[in-house]
Protein backbone atom coordinates (compact mmCIF):
# COMPACT_ATOMS: atom_id res chain seq x y z
CA MET A 1 9.32 -22.81 -19.60
CA SER A 2 10.02 -21.15 -22.93
CA SER A 3 12.48 -22.83 -25.29
CA VAL A 4 13.29 -19.42 -26.81
CA PRO A 5 16.51 -18.10 -25.15
CA HIS A 6 15.39 -14.47 -24.86
CA PRO A 7 11.69 -13.87 -25.53
CA LEU A 8 10.77 -10.22 -25.99
CA GLY A 9 8.98 -8.56 -23.09
CA LEU A 10 5.55 -7.16 -23.91
CA VAL A 11 3.10 -4.98 -22.00
CA VAL A 12 -0.58 -4.78 -22.92
CA VAL A 13 -1.86 -1.22 -22.57
CA GLY A 14 -5.63 -1.33 -22.19
CA PHE A 15 -6.84 -4.43 -20.35
CA GLY A 16 -10.41 -4.61 -21.59
CA GLY A 17 -11.86 -7.40 -23.70
CA MET A 18 -9.25 -7.27 -26.45
CA GLY A 19 -6.37 -6.75 -24.04
CA HIS A 20 -7.47 -9.78 -22.07
CA GLU A 21 -7.75 -11.79 -25.31
CA HIS A 22 -4.21 -10.84 -26.32
CA VAL A 23 -2.85 -12.11 -23.02
CA ARG A 24 -4.72 -15.38 -23.48
CA LYS A 25 -3.35 -15.95 -26.98
CA LEU A 26 0.18 -14.88 -26.11
CA ASP A 27 0.29 -17.71 -23.58
CA GLY A 28 1.07 -19.99 -26.53
CA VAL A 29 3.74 -17.79 -28.16
CA GLU A 30 7.23 -18.64 -26.95
CA GLU A 31 8.83 -15.68 -28.70
CA ILE A 32 7.06 -13.19 -26.39
CA ALA A 33 6.90 -12.92 -22.61
CA VAL A 34 4.02 -10.85 -21.19
CA ALA A 35 5.69 -8.51 -18.70
CA GLY A 36 2.41 -7.03 -17.50
CA THR A 37 -0.45 -4.67 -18.31
CA PHE A 38 -1.51 -1.09 -17.76
CA ASP A 39 -5.00 0.38 -17.70
CA ILE A 40 -6.43 3.65 -16.41
CA SER A 41 -9.23 1.63 -14.75
CA GLN A 42 -8.37 0.45 -11.24
CA ALA A 43 -10.80 -2.43 -11.60
CA ARG A 44 -8.88 -3.68 -14.63
CA GLN A 45 -5.59 -3.17 -12.82
CA ASP A 46 -6.94 -5.31 -10.00
CA LEU A 47 -8.10 -7.93 -12.48
CA ALA A 48 -4.63 -8.14 -13.98
CA VAL A 49 -3.09 -8.68 -10.56
CA SER A 50 -5.66 -11.38 -9.75
CA LEU A 51 -4.54 -13.20 -12.89
CA GLY A 52 -0.91 -13.11 -11.80
CA LEU A 53 0.11 -10.24 -14.07
CA LYS A 54 2.14 -7.20 -13.13
CA ALA A 55 0.02 -4.04 -13.23
CA TYR A 56 2.17 -1.06 -14.21
CA THR A 57 1.27 2.12 -12.37
CA SER A 58 1.46 4.43 -15.40
CA PHE A 59 2.12 4.45 -19.12
CA GLN A 60 5.37 6.29 -18.50
CA VAL A 61 6.54 3.53 -16.16
CA VAL A 62 5.91 1.08 -19.01
CA LEU A 63 8.04 3.19 -21.36
CA ASP A 64 10.81 3.52 -18.79
CA ASP A 65 11.13 -0.23 -18.22
CA PRO A 66 14.14 -1.56 -20.19
CA LYS A 67 12.71 -5.10 -20.03
CA VAL A 68 9.79 -4.03 -22.20
CA ALA A 69 10.55 -4.39 -25.90
CA ILE A 70 6.97 -4.34 -27.22
CA VAL A 71 3.99 -2.17 -26.32
CA LEU A 72 0.63 -3.57 -27.42
CA LEU A 73 -2.11 -0.93 -27.63
CA ALA A 74 -5.66 -2.17 -26.95
CA THR A 75 -7.12 1.20 -26.01
CA PRO A 76 -9.97 3.27 -27.56
CA ASN A 77 -9.33 4.19 -31.18
CA ASP A 78 -8.76 7.91 -30.66
CA SER A 79 -5.81 7.27 -28.31
CA HIS A 80 -3.72 5.13 -30.65
CA LYS A 81 -1.77 7.88 -32.38
CA ASP A 82 -0.34 9.63 -29.31
CA LEU A 83 0.36 6.40 -27.41
CA ALA A 84 2.04 4.76 -30.40
CA ILE A 85 4.28 7.73 -31.14
CA ALA A 86 5.30 8.00 -27.47
CA ALA A 87 6.16 4.30 -27.35
CA LEU A 88 8.15 4.46 -30.58
CA HIS A 89 10.10 7.50 -29.33
CA ALA A 90 10.87 5.51 -26.18
CA GLY A 91 12.48 2.80 -28.32
CA LYS A 92 9.67 0.26 -28.15
CA HIS A 93 8.21 -1.81 -30.96
CA VAL A 94 4.44 -1.34 -31.18
CA ILE A 95 1.49 -3.60 -31.95
CA CYS A 96 -1.72 -1.61 -32.37
CA GLU A 97 -5.34 -2.67 -32.36
CA LYS A 98 -7.58 -1.70 -35.24
CA PRO A 99 -8.67 0.65 -36.56
CA VAL A 100 -5.15 1.92 -36.22
CA THR A 101 -6.24 5.58 -36.26
CA LEU A 102 -9.29 7.68 -37.08
CA ASN A 103 -7.86 8.77 -40.45
CA SER A 104 -4.96 8.19 -42.82
CA ALA A 105 -3.11 11.38 -41.80
CA GLU A 106 -2.76 10.12 -38.23
CA LEU A 107 -1.33 6.83 -39.49
CA ASP A 108 1.18 8.75 -41.61
CA ALA A 109 2.44 10.46 -38.45
CA ILE A 110 2.91 7.12 -36.69
CA VAL A 111 4.74 5.59 -39.66
CA GLU A 112 7.07 8.58 -39.78
CA ALA A 113 7.82 8.17 -36.06
CA SER A 114 8.44 4.45 -36.62
CA LYS A 115 10.99 5.17 -39.33
CA LYS A 116 12.80 7.77 -37.24
CA ALA A 117 12.92 5.50 -34.20
CA GLU A 118 13.86 2.46 -36.32
CA ARG A 119 11.25 0.44 -34.50
CA LEU A 120 8.53 -1.82 -35.87
CA PHE A 121 4.92 -0.68 -35.93
CA MET A 122 2.29 -3.24 -36.98
CA VAL A 123 -1.50 -3.28 -36.84
CA HIS A 124 -3.31 -6.30 -35.43
CA GLN A 125 -5.50 -7.21 -38.41
CA ASN A 126 -6.27 -10.55 -36.81
CA ARG A 127 -9.24 -11.42 -38.98
CA ARG A 128 -6.97 -12.23 -41.87
CA TRP A 129 -6.66 -15.51 -39.96
CA ASP A 130 -10.43 -16.15 -39.86
CA GLU A 131 -11.04 -19.58 -41.36
CA ASP A 132 -14.20 -18.49 -43.20
CA TYR A 133 -12.17 -15.83 -45.04
CA LEU A 134 -9.28 -18.20 -45.78
CA THR A 135 -11.76 -20.74 -47.14
CA VAL A 136 -13.21 -18.16 -49.56
CA LYS A 137 -9.69 -17.13 -50.54
CA LYS A 138 -8.81 -20.74 -51.41
CA LEU A 139 -12.09 -21.24 -53.24
CA LEU A 140 -11.45 -18.27 -55.50
CA ALA A 141 -7.82 -19.23 -56.07
CA GLU A 142 -8.86 -22.70 -57.23
CA GLY A 143 -11.43 -21.34 -59.68
CA THR A 144 -14.12 -23.78 -58.58
CA LEU A 145 -16.93 -21.32 -59.34
CA GLY A 146 -15.78 -20.45 -62.84
CA LYS A 147 -15.35 -16.73 -63.54
CA PHE A 148 -15.97 -14.89 -60.29
CA TYR A 149 -18.08 -11.74 -60.63
CA HIS A 150 -19.67 -10.82 -57.26
CA LEU A 151 -19.47 -11.54 -53.56
CA GLU A 152 -21.24 -10.47 -50.41
CA THR A 153 -19.64 -10.45 -46.97
CA ARG A 154 -21.49 -9.47 -43.83
CA VAL A 155 -21.64 -9.64 -40.07
CA LEU A 156 -25.01 -9.10 -38.41
CA GLY A 157 -26.14 -8.97 -34.80
CA SER A 158 -29.17 -7.88 -32.81
CA ARG A 159 -27.67 -6.59 -29.56
CA GLY A 160 -26.76 -3.08 -30.68
CA ILE A 161 -23.39 -1.45 -30.14
CA PRO A 162 -21.68 -2.44 -26.86
CA GLY A 163 -22.34 0.03 -24.06
CA ASP A 164 -18.84 1.44 -23.88
CA TRP A 165 -16.73 3.90 -25.88
CA ARG A 166 -17.74 2.22 -29.15
CA LYS A 167 -20.95 4.27 -29.01
CA LEU A 168 -19.05 7.57 -28.87
CA ALA A 169 -17.91 9.53 -31.92
CA LYS A 170 -15.09 11.23 -30.01
CA ASN A 171 -13.49 7.84 -29.32
CA GLY A 172 -13.82 6.61 -32.88
CA GLY A 173 -16.86 4.45 -32.35
CA GLY A 174 -19.26 3.08 -34.94
CA MET A 175 -19.46 -0.05 -37.02
CA MET A 176 -17.53 1.17 -40.06
CA LEU A 177 -14.42 1.63 -37.93
CA ASP A 178 -15.12 -1.40 -35.75
CA TRP A 179 -16.08 -4.06 -38.31
CA GLY A 180 -15.74 -2.37 -41.69
CA VAL A 181 -12.01 -2.13 -41.17
CA HIS A 182 -11.82 -5.93 -40.93
CA LEU A 183 -14.14 -6.83 -43.78
CA LEU A 184 -12.56 -4.37 -46.19
CA ASP A 185 -9.03 -5.38 -45.20
CA ARG A 186 -9.79 -8.98 -46.18
CA LEU A 187 -11.84 -8.13 -49.24
CA VAL A 188 -9.05 -6.43 -51.15
CA PHE A 189 -6.98 -9.63 -50.99
CA LEU A 190 -9.81 -11.61 -52.57
CA ILE A 191 -10.47 -9.41 -55.60
CA PRO A 192 -7.44 -8.39 -57.68
CA GLY A 193 -7.02 -4.94 -59.12
CA LYS A 194 -7.97 -1.46 -58.07
CA ILE A 195 -11.26 -0.30 -56.61
CA THR A 196 -12.84 2.28 -58.90
CA GLN A 197 -16.17 3.18 -57.25
CA VAL A 198 -17.48 3.34 -53.68
CA PHE A 199 -21.10 3.79 -52.65
CA CYS A 200 -22.09 3.65 -48.98
CA LYS A 201 -25.13 4.18 -46.82
CA LEU A 202 -24.64 4.23 -43.05
CA ASN A 203 -27.63 3.45 -40.85
CA TYR A 204 -28.74 4.65 -37.42
CA PRO A 205 -31.87 2.60 -36.57
CA THR A 206 -31.91 3.38 -32.83
CA GLY A 207 -30.52 6.90 -33.08
CA GLN A 208 -26.98 6.45 -31.82
CA GLU A 209 -24.48 9.22 -32.56
CA VAL A 210 -22.28 6.79 -34.51
CA ASP A 211 -23.19 4.44 -37.34
CA GLU A 212 -24.86 1.25 -36.14
CA GLY A 213 -24.32 -0.51 -39.45
CA PHE A 214 -23.92 0.13 -43.16
CA HIS A 215 -24.29 -1.14 -46.72
CA LEU A 216 -21.18 -0.57 -48.85
CA PHE A 217 -21.03 -1.38 -52.56
CA LEU A 218 -17.66 -1.58 -54.31
CA THR A 219 -16.77 -1.82 -57.99
CA PHE A 220 -13.37 -3.09 -59.12
CA GLU A 221 -11.49 -2.26 -62.31
CA GLY A 222 -12.05 -5.79 -63.63
CA GLY A 223 -15.82 -5.34 -63.36
CA GLN A 224 -16.24 -7.47 -60.22
CA THR A 225 -18.48 -6.11 -57.49
CA ALA A 226 -18.80 -6.62 -53.74
CA LEU A 227 -21.41 -5.83 -51.11
CA VAL A 228 -20.20 -5.35 -47.55
CA GLU A 229 -22.90 -5.25 -44.88
CA VAL A 230 -22.68 -4.75 -41.13
CA GLY A 231 -25.68 -4.46 -38.83
CA THR A 232 -26.38 -4.42 -35.10
CA CYS A 233 -30.18 -4.38 -35.27
CA HIS A 234 -30.84 -7.58 -37.25
CA TYR A 235 -33.11 -10.29 -35.82
CA GLN A 236 -32.78 -12.72 -38.72
CA SER A 237 -29.49 -14.05 -40.04
CA LEU A 238 -28.13 -13.77 -43.58
CA PRO A 239 -25.11 -15.62 -45.00
CA LEU A 240 -21.69 -14.65 -43.73
CA TRP A 241 -20.43 -15.08 -47.31
CA LEU A 242 -22.13 -15.43 -50.69
CA VAL A 243 -19.75 -15.86 -53.63
CA LEU A 244 -21.00 -15.93 -57.23
CA GLY A 245 -19.27 -17.32 -60.30
CA THR A 246 -20.37 -18.30 -63.78
CA LYS A 247 -20.17 -22.02 -62.92
CA GLY A 248 -21.29 -22.07 -59.30
CA THR A 249 -22.25 -20.34 -56.08
CA ALA A 250 -20.67 -20.74 -52.63
CA LEU A 251 -22.40 -19.95 -49.38
CA ILE A 252 -21.00 -19.84 -45.86
CA LYS A 253 -23.78 -19.47 -43.34
CA ASP A 254 -21.84 -18.52 -40.21
CA TRP A 255 -18.55 -18.84 -38.33
CA SER A 256 -19.14 -22.58 -37.87
CA LEU A 257 -18.43 -22.83 -41.63
CA GLU A 258 -21.79 -24.41 -42.32
CA GLY A 259 -22.53 -24.12 -46.02
CA GLY A 260 -21.35 -25.48 -49.34
CA ILE A 261 -20.99 -25.05 -53.08
CA VAL A 262 -23.61 -25.62 -55.76
CA GLY A 263 -22.20 -25.89 -59.27
CA VAL A 264 -23.25 -26.77 -62.78
CA GLY A 265 -23.72 -30.49 -63.36
CA GLY A 266 -24.46 -32.35 -66.61
CA ASN A 267 -26.53 -31.06 -69.51
CA GLU A 268 -30.16 -31.15 -68.31
CA GLY A 269 -31.69 -29.70 -71.44
CA ASP A 270 -33.96 -26.70 -71.69
CA ALA A 271 -35.72 -25.47 -68.55
CA LYS A 272 -39.44 -26.04 -68.09
CA PRO A 273 -41.65 -23.17 -66.92
CA ILE A 274 -42.85 -23.22 -63.33
CA VAL A 275 -45.69 -21.45 -61.59
CA ALA A 276 -44.25 -18.53 -59.64
CA GLY A 277 -46.75 -16.46 -57.69
CA ALA A 278 -49.37 -15.17 -60.12
CA GLY A 279 -47.45 -16.12 -63.23
CA LEU A 280 -45.06 -18.48 -64.99
CA THR A 281 -41.28 -18.26 -65.25
CA LYS A 282 -38.79 -20.21 -67.27
CA THR A 283 -35.85 -17.97 -66.47
CA MET A 284 -36.03 -18.61 -62.72
CA ALA A 285 -36.95 -22.30 -62.89
CA PRO A 286 -34.73 -24.34 -60.56
CA ARG A 287 -32.15 -26.72 -61.94
CA THR A 288 -32.86 -30.42 -61.68
CA GLU A 289 -30.71 -32.85 -59.70
CA LYS A 290 -28.99 -33.84 -62.94
CA GLY A 291 -28.20 -30.23 -63.71
CA GLU A 292 -26.27 -29.35 -60.57
CA VAL A 293 -23.52 -30.70 -58.35
CA HIS A 294 -23.05 -30.14 -54.61
CA LEU A 295 -19.53 -29.79 -53.27
CA PRO A 296 -18.10 -29.25 -49.78
CA LEU A 297 -16.29 -26.06 -48.87
CA PRO A 298 -12.46 -26.28 -49.09
CA VAL A 299 -12.07 -25.50 -45.39
CA VAL A 300 -8.73 -23.94 -44.34
CA THR A 301 -7.43 -24.00 -40.77
CA SER A 302 -5.15 -21.36 -39.26
CA ASP A 303 -3.41 -20.17 -36.11
CA VAL A 304 -3.73 -16.45 -35.34
CA ARG A 305 -0.69 -16.72 -33.06
CA ASP A 306 1.34 -16.64 -36.26
CA PHE A 307 0.71 -12.88 -36.21
CA TYR A 308 2.76 -12.47 -33.03
CA ARG A 309 5.49 -14.83 -34.25
CA ASN A 310 5.78 -12.86 -37.46
CA PHE A 311 5.93 -9.60 -35.50
CA VAL A 312 8.94 -10.80 -33.52
CA ALA A 313 10.64 -12.24 -36.60
CA THR A 314 10.13 -8.95 -38.44
CA ALA A 315 11.39 -6.88 -35.49
CA GLU A 316 14.52 -9.03 -35.43
CA GLY A 317 15.06 -8.73 -39.19
CA ARG A 318 14.29 -12.39 -39.94
CA ALA A 319 11.04 -11.95 -41.88
CA GLU A 320 8.85 -9.57 -43.82
CA PRO A 321 5.69 -8.22 -42.11
CA LEU A 322 2.45 -10.06 -42.79
CA ILE A 323 0.55 -6.81 -42.14
CA ARG A 324 2.02 -3.89 -44.04
CA ASN A 325 1.31 -0.28 -43.12
CA GLU A 326 0.62 0.66 -46.73
CA GLU A 327 -2.13 -1.98 -46.81
CA VAL A 328 -3.62 -0.55 -43.63
CA ARG A 329 -3.48 2.95 -45.07
CA ARG A 330 -5.36 1.85 -48.20
CA ILE A 331 -8.24 0.61 -46.04
CA LEU A 332 -8.34 3.84 -44.04
CA CYS A 333 -8.60 5.78 -47.32
CA LEU A 334 -11.33 3.41 -48.47
CA MET A 335 -13.33 4.01 -45.29
CA GLU A 336 -12.85 7.76 -45.73
CA ALA A 337 -14.35 7.39 -49.20
CA ALA A 338 -17.26 5.44 -47.70
CA PHE A 339 -17.97 8.21 -45.18
CA GLU A 340 -17.82 10.77 -48.01
CA SER A 341 -20.25 8.72 -50.10
CA HIS A 342 -22.73 8.60 -47.23
CA ARG A 343 -22.37 12.33 -46.59
CA THR A 344 -22.92 13.30 -50.23
CA GLY A 345 -25.29 10.51 -51.23
CA GLN A 346 -23.12 9.96 -54.30
CA VAL A 347 -20.84 7.33 -55.78
CA VAL A 348 -17.24 8.26 -54.94
CA ARG A 349 -14.49 7.66 -57.46
CA PHE A 350 -11.61 5.82 -55.85
CA GLU A 351 -8.09 5.14 -57.06
CA GLY A 352 -6.52 2.45 -54.97
């Protein structure tokens, strides 16, 4: 039984994979009571009932229920705007899955509705709680690698895009909107300053109507650069993170946080040439054991349920939001610049 006197009632709208995951995680959040779910699929309605949840018969019934304080939207991307605005007008607080909308103008309309209704609207950017990201964030903050100048962040798979609405342009499918929104959202908290240049190439290896992956190269005003890569047709893995500094390199292989740091050790003297292919190289000769040091990653642990706790505290005026709508808007504009770069084949100037 909850120790919170009056937990806020919440309904999950859209009971697919993410909706189901929200219900699972909310089981450990005392500040929120899951009042039920709603989905246009009867099979998912039946699933909710089989799990002991109330299945609302329509979205309007959800909005009309005075016990519902929060509507959580886990529906296809193109539906977020209209559902969010309707919920806000009905006096509900709203949590929305990402990407929040298909473009920044749609988000502006939701934010305006949120202000008029005096209700909280927050986007579920849950991957700010990923421990691989938080570990990189700590690593850079501590300056272990010396002067940071470049990083690469990627997620790669070989199973293609899931066989649902994520393959459809009309629903806002594609990997830029699905995964790019996460990787870019985290990236801007790692590298200070404004982004000045965006260059992007989307890829369509199996001929889907939406992007199946992309390479995105960003330049920051301080001169730092970043490569963001997403792929769904990769049969060999590459590092989840590669972070380069003047005094060391950090690598995180995968979500298990396998990896480490290699840094500069003692003075090993001048390098000796090595045979490399059909020639010699001194420049690329490896460092000796005396010339480098191996360090463990500064692993950070987290609890993504803090997102929901912060949402309630913000709705009740006891805290500031951990996910701000202006931050979300910046990433939407950045993705718009990426799409423009791909369309024109040019570097896009960016101010943000």
